[in-house]
Protein backbone atom coordinates (compact mmCIF):
# COMPACT_ATOMS: atom_id res chain seq x y z
CA MET A 1 0.13 0.29 0.19
CA LYS A 2 2.86 2.37 0.55
CA ILE A 3 4.54 1.98 -2.63
CA ALA A 4 1.13 2.29 -4.38
CA LYS A 5 0.33 5.94 -3.03
CA PRO A 6 3.97 7.06 -4.16
CA THR A 7 3.55 5.68 -7.84
CA LEU A 8 -0.03 6.78 -8.10
CA PHE A 9 1.41 10.47 -7.26
CA LEU A 10 3.67 10.10 -9.57
CA VAL A 11 1.77 8.88 -12.26
CA LEU A 12 -0.97 12.04 -11.61
CA LEU A 13 2.28 14.34 -11.63
CA ILE A 14 3.42 13.23 -14.74
CA ALA A 15 -0.07 13.19 -16.37
CA SER A 16 -0.68 16.89 -14.90
CA ILE A 17 2.57 18.19 -16.28
CA SER A 18 1.92 16.00 -19.66
CA SER A 19 -1.24 17.91 -19.82
CA THR A 20 0.10 21.44 -19.12
CA SER A 21 2.75 21.12 -21.69
CA ILE A 22 0.43 19.88 -24.23
CA GLN A 23 -1.47 23.04 -23.65
CA VAL A 24 1.42 25.42 -23.51
CA LEU A 25 2.57 23.54 -26.99
CA ALA A 26 -0.90 24.03 -28.54
CA GLN A 27 -0.95 27.74 -27.32
CA ASN A 28 2.35 28.36 -29.15
CA GLN A 29 1.72 26.97 -32.21
CA SER A 30 -1.50 28.92 -32.56
CA LYS A 31 0.67 32.28 -31.95
CA GLN A 32 3.15 31.18 -34.39
CA ALA A 33 0.34 30.25 -36.99
CA ALA A 34 -1.70 33.65 -36.21
CA PRO A 35 0.71 35.69 -38.41
CA PHE A 36 0.44 33.25 -41.64
CA GLU A 37 -3.46 33.47 -41.35
CA ASN A 38 -3.11 36.76 -42.50
CA ILE A 39 -1.19 35.97 -46.02
CA ASP A 40 -2.90 36.60 -49.11
CA ARG A 41 -3.40 33.95 -51.53
CA ILE A 42 -4.06 34.00 -54.80
CA ASN A 43 -4.76 31.81 -57.84
CA GLY A 44 -2.72 33.00 -60.57
CA ASN A 45 -4.03 30.90 -63.39
CA ASP A 46 -7.16 32.01 -62.45
CA MET A 47 -6.32 35.57 -62.58
CA ILE A 48 -4.96 35.56 -66.08
CA GLU A 49 -7.98 33.67 -66.97
CA ARG A 50 -10.35 36.09 -65.36
CA LEU A 51 -8.21 39.17 -66.60
CA GLY A 52 -8.41 37.71 -70.58
CA THR A 53 -11.80 36.90 -70.19
CA GLN A 54 -12.72 40.68 -69.07
CA ARG A 55 -10.91 41.98 -71.52
CA SER A 56 -12.39 39.91 -73.97
CA LYS A 57 -15.67 40.77 -73.15
CA PHE A 58 -14.42 44.82 -73.09
CA ILE A 59 -13.31 44.28 -76.50
CA LYS A 60 -16.64 42.89 -77.84
CA ASN A 61 -18.65 45.56 -76.10
CA ARG A 62 -16.27 48.50 -76.27
CA LYS A 63 -18.80 50.85 -76.37
CA ASN A 64 -21.09 49.89 -73.67
CA GLY A 65 -18.39 48.00 -71.65
CA LYS A 66 -16.62 49.61 -68.98
CA LEU A 67 -12.67 49.35 -69.15
CA PRO A 68 -11.50 46.48 -66.64
CA LYS A 69 -9.75 47.67 -63.96
CA PRO A 70 -5.88 46.76 -64.05
CA GLU A 71 -4.29 44.68 -61.50
CA TYR A 72 -1.05 43.43 -60.66
CA PHE A 73 0.21 39.96 -59.63
CA ILE A 74 3.83 40.16 -58.50
CA ASN A 75 3.75 44.00 -56.95
CA ARG A 76 2.45 43.36 -53.69
CA ASN A 77 3.83 44.68 -50.22
CA ASN A 78 2.33 42.28 -47.74
CA LEU A 79 3.28 38.60 -48.26
CA THR A 80 1.29 36.53 -50.92
CA ILE A 81 1.14 33.48 -51.85
CA ILE A 82 0.52 32.88 -55.74
CA THR A 83 -0.28 29.70 -56.96
CA PHE A 84 0.98 29.24 -60.93
CA ASN A 85 0.37 25.60 -62.39
CA GLY A 86 0.60 23.86 -58.79
CA LEU A 87 3.88 25.71 -57.50
CA ASP A 88 3.44 28.54 -54.58
CA TYR A 89 5.06 31.48 -55.21
CA PHE A 90 5.86 33.64 -51.74
CA VAL A 91 5.67 37.15 -53.16
CA LYS A 92 6.37 40.49 -50.88
CA ASN A 93 7.66 43.95 -51.74
CA ASN A 94 7.66 43.21 -55.47
CA GLN A 95 10.05 40.27 -55.24
CA VAL A 96 9.57 36.48 -55.58
CA ILE A 97 10.99 35.39 -52.01
CA GLY A 98 10.75 31.61 -52.67
CA ILE A 99 9.06 28.90 -53.82
CA GLN A 100 7.19 26.23 -51.69
CA GLY A 101 9.21 22.85 -51.67
CA LEU A 102 12.45 24.65 -53.69
CA GLU A 103 15.59 25.48 -51.88
CA LEU A 104 16.61 28.19 -54.65
CA SER A 105 19.59 30.59 -54.03
CA GLU A 106 19.06 34.61 -54.11
CA GLU A 107 20.68 34.63 -57.54
CA VAL A 108 17.86 32.17 -58.90
CA LEU A 109 15.13 33.83 -56.99
CA SER A 110 16.01 37.25 -58.50
CA GLN A 111 16.26 36.01 -62.15
CA ILE A 112 12.77 34.65 -61.49
CA THR A 113 11.71 37.98 -59.75
CA GLN A 114 12.66 39.64 -62.79
CA LYS A 115 11.02 37.67 -65.44
CA LEU A 116 7.92 37.72 -63.41
CA VAL A 117 8.21 41.61 -62.58
CA LEU A 118 8.77 42.62 -66.16
CA LEU A 119 5.76 40.50 -67.24
CA ASP A 120 3.56 42.03 -64.52
CA SER A 121 4.58 45.79 -65.13
CA ALA A 122 4.06 45.34 -68.70
CA GLN A 123 0.34 43.83 -68.66
CA TYR A 124 -0.44 46.26 -65.90
CA SER A 125 0.76 49.05 -68.22
CA TYR A 126 -0.69 47.84 -71.45
CA SER A 127 -3.84 47.40 -69.28
CA GLU A 128 -4.17 51.00 -68.43
CA LYS A 129 -3.16 52.15 -71.70
CA SER A 130 -5.61 50.05 -73.74
CA GLU A 131 -8.63 52.22 -73.50
CA THR A 132 -7.06 54.67 -76.17
CA ASP A 133 -5.19 52.46 -78.24
CA PHE A 134 -6.08 49.02 -79.76
CA GLN A 135 -2.65 47.84 -79.90
CA ASN A 136 -2.17 48.04 -76.31
CA GLU A 137 -5.18 45.61 -76.17
CA ARG A 138 -3.06 43.10 -78.17
CA LEU A 139 0.12 43.71 -76.13
CA PHE A 140 -1.91 43.09 -72.85
CA LEU A 141 -3.38 39.76 -73.99
CA LEU A 142 0.19 38.69 -74.83
CA SER A 143 1.89 39.54 -71.76
CA LEU A 144 -0.89 37.37 -69.71
CA LYS A 145 0.01 34.65 -72.37
CA MET A 146 3.74 35.33 -72.00
CA LEU A 147 3.31 35.15 -67.94
CA SER A 148 1.28 31.95 -68.26
CA THR A 149 3.89 30.48 -70.57
CA THR A 150 6.93 31.95 -68.02
CA THR A 151 5.33 30.40 -64.76
CA ARG A 152 4.67 26.90 -66.87
CA ASP A 153 8.05 26.54 -68.01
CA ILE A 154 9.23 27.13 -64.46
CA ALA A 155 6.75 24.48 -63.29
CA ALA A 156 8.00 22.16 -65.90
CA LEU A 157 11.68 22.35 -64.73
CA THR A 158 10.28 21.02 -61.31
CA LYS A 159 9.44 17.59 -62.59
CA THR A 160 12.52 15.79 -62.27
CA THR A 161 14.30 14.12 -59.17
CA ASN A 162 15.84 16.90 -57.78
CA PRO A 163 13.78 19.76 -59.12
CA SER A 164 15.67 22.66 -56.94
CA LEU A 165 18.81 21.92 -58.83
CA ASN A 166 16.97 21.58 -61.87
CA VAL A 167 15.69 24.97 -61.43
CA GLU A 168 19.04 26.41 -60.13
CA ASN A 169 20.71 25.33 -63.53
CA ASN A 170 17.66 26.20 -65.89
CA VAL A 171 16.34 29.51 -65.26
CA ALA A 172 18.88 31.53 -66.53
CA LYS A 173 18.99 29.70 -69.73
CA MET A 174 15.23 30.77 -69.95
CA ARG A 175 15.08 34.19 -72.39
CA LEU A 176 13.82 37.17 -70.85
CA PRO A 177 10.47 37.86 -71.94
CA ASN A 178 9.90 40.82 -74.65
CA VAL A 179 6.51 41.49 -75.42
CA ASP A 180 7.02 44.14 -77.74
CA LYS A 181 9.54 41.74 -79.89
CA SER A 182 6.86 39.09 -79.96
CA LEU A 183 4.49 41.52 -81.46
CA GLU A 184 7.06 42.56 -84.03
CA THR A 185 7.95 39.00 -84.96
CA SER A 186 3.81 38.04 -85.30
CA THR A 187 3.65 41.08 -87.35
CA ALA A 188 6.21 40.26 -89.57
CA GLN A 189 5.29 36.50 -89.75
CA SER A 190 1.69 37.76 -90.80
CA LEU A 191 2.98 40.17 -93.34
CA VAL A 192 5.01 37.48 -94.93
CA GLN A 193 1.89 35.26 -94.55
CA LEU A 194 0.09 37.68 -96.63
CA TYR A 195 3.02 37.92 -99.30
CA LYS A 196 2.80 34.52 -100.62
């Protein structure tokens, strides 16, 4: 009987400490999770499609329609997770600061940022100017298409056994998007086709 009381006391003491530890741990986890609850989340592919659809509707009903408001993808001050083709890009202060599941150097993140910010700025600018010039409508839609293609190409680089290394080695090889150059090329090609 004398042995049972200390053992019972010890078991109750351990249970009490465990219960308190679990409560403290849960409180700490909820405090740590709280800042991440305020992160904006955007589906980039849906946003590209939505902006393109809005613009197409505006073009068809230019006289009756209202110009869609320009929107940025990357130019955001708050931490935002933008999902393109299954990859979560962490964006803050107009920079890609990381991609979920990939260990990338600052140099590669800078290269990705450069490509995406260029296209984001282009689509925003062409969207603003498109009310007065139809050519800007085409450039806006082209910049959206190039943004979609660029993010799809980055996602394709992650479909290997070592995705971080593959992205590190191949992002620099990706061409820097040039919306104006693409338009010149497509115009020249259509002129050649007309000539034939």
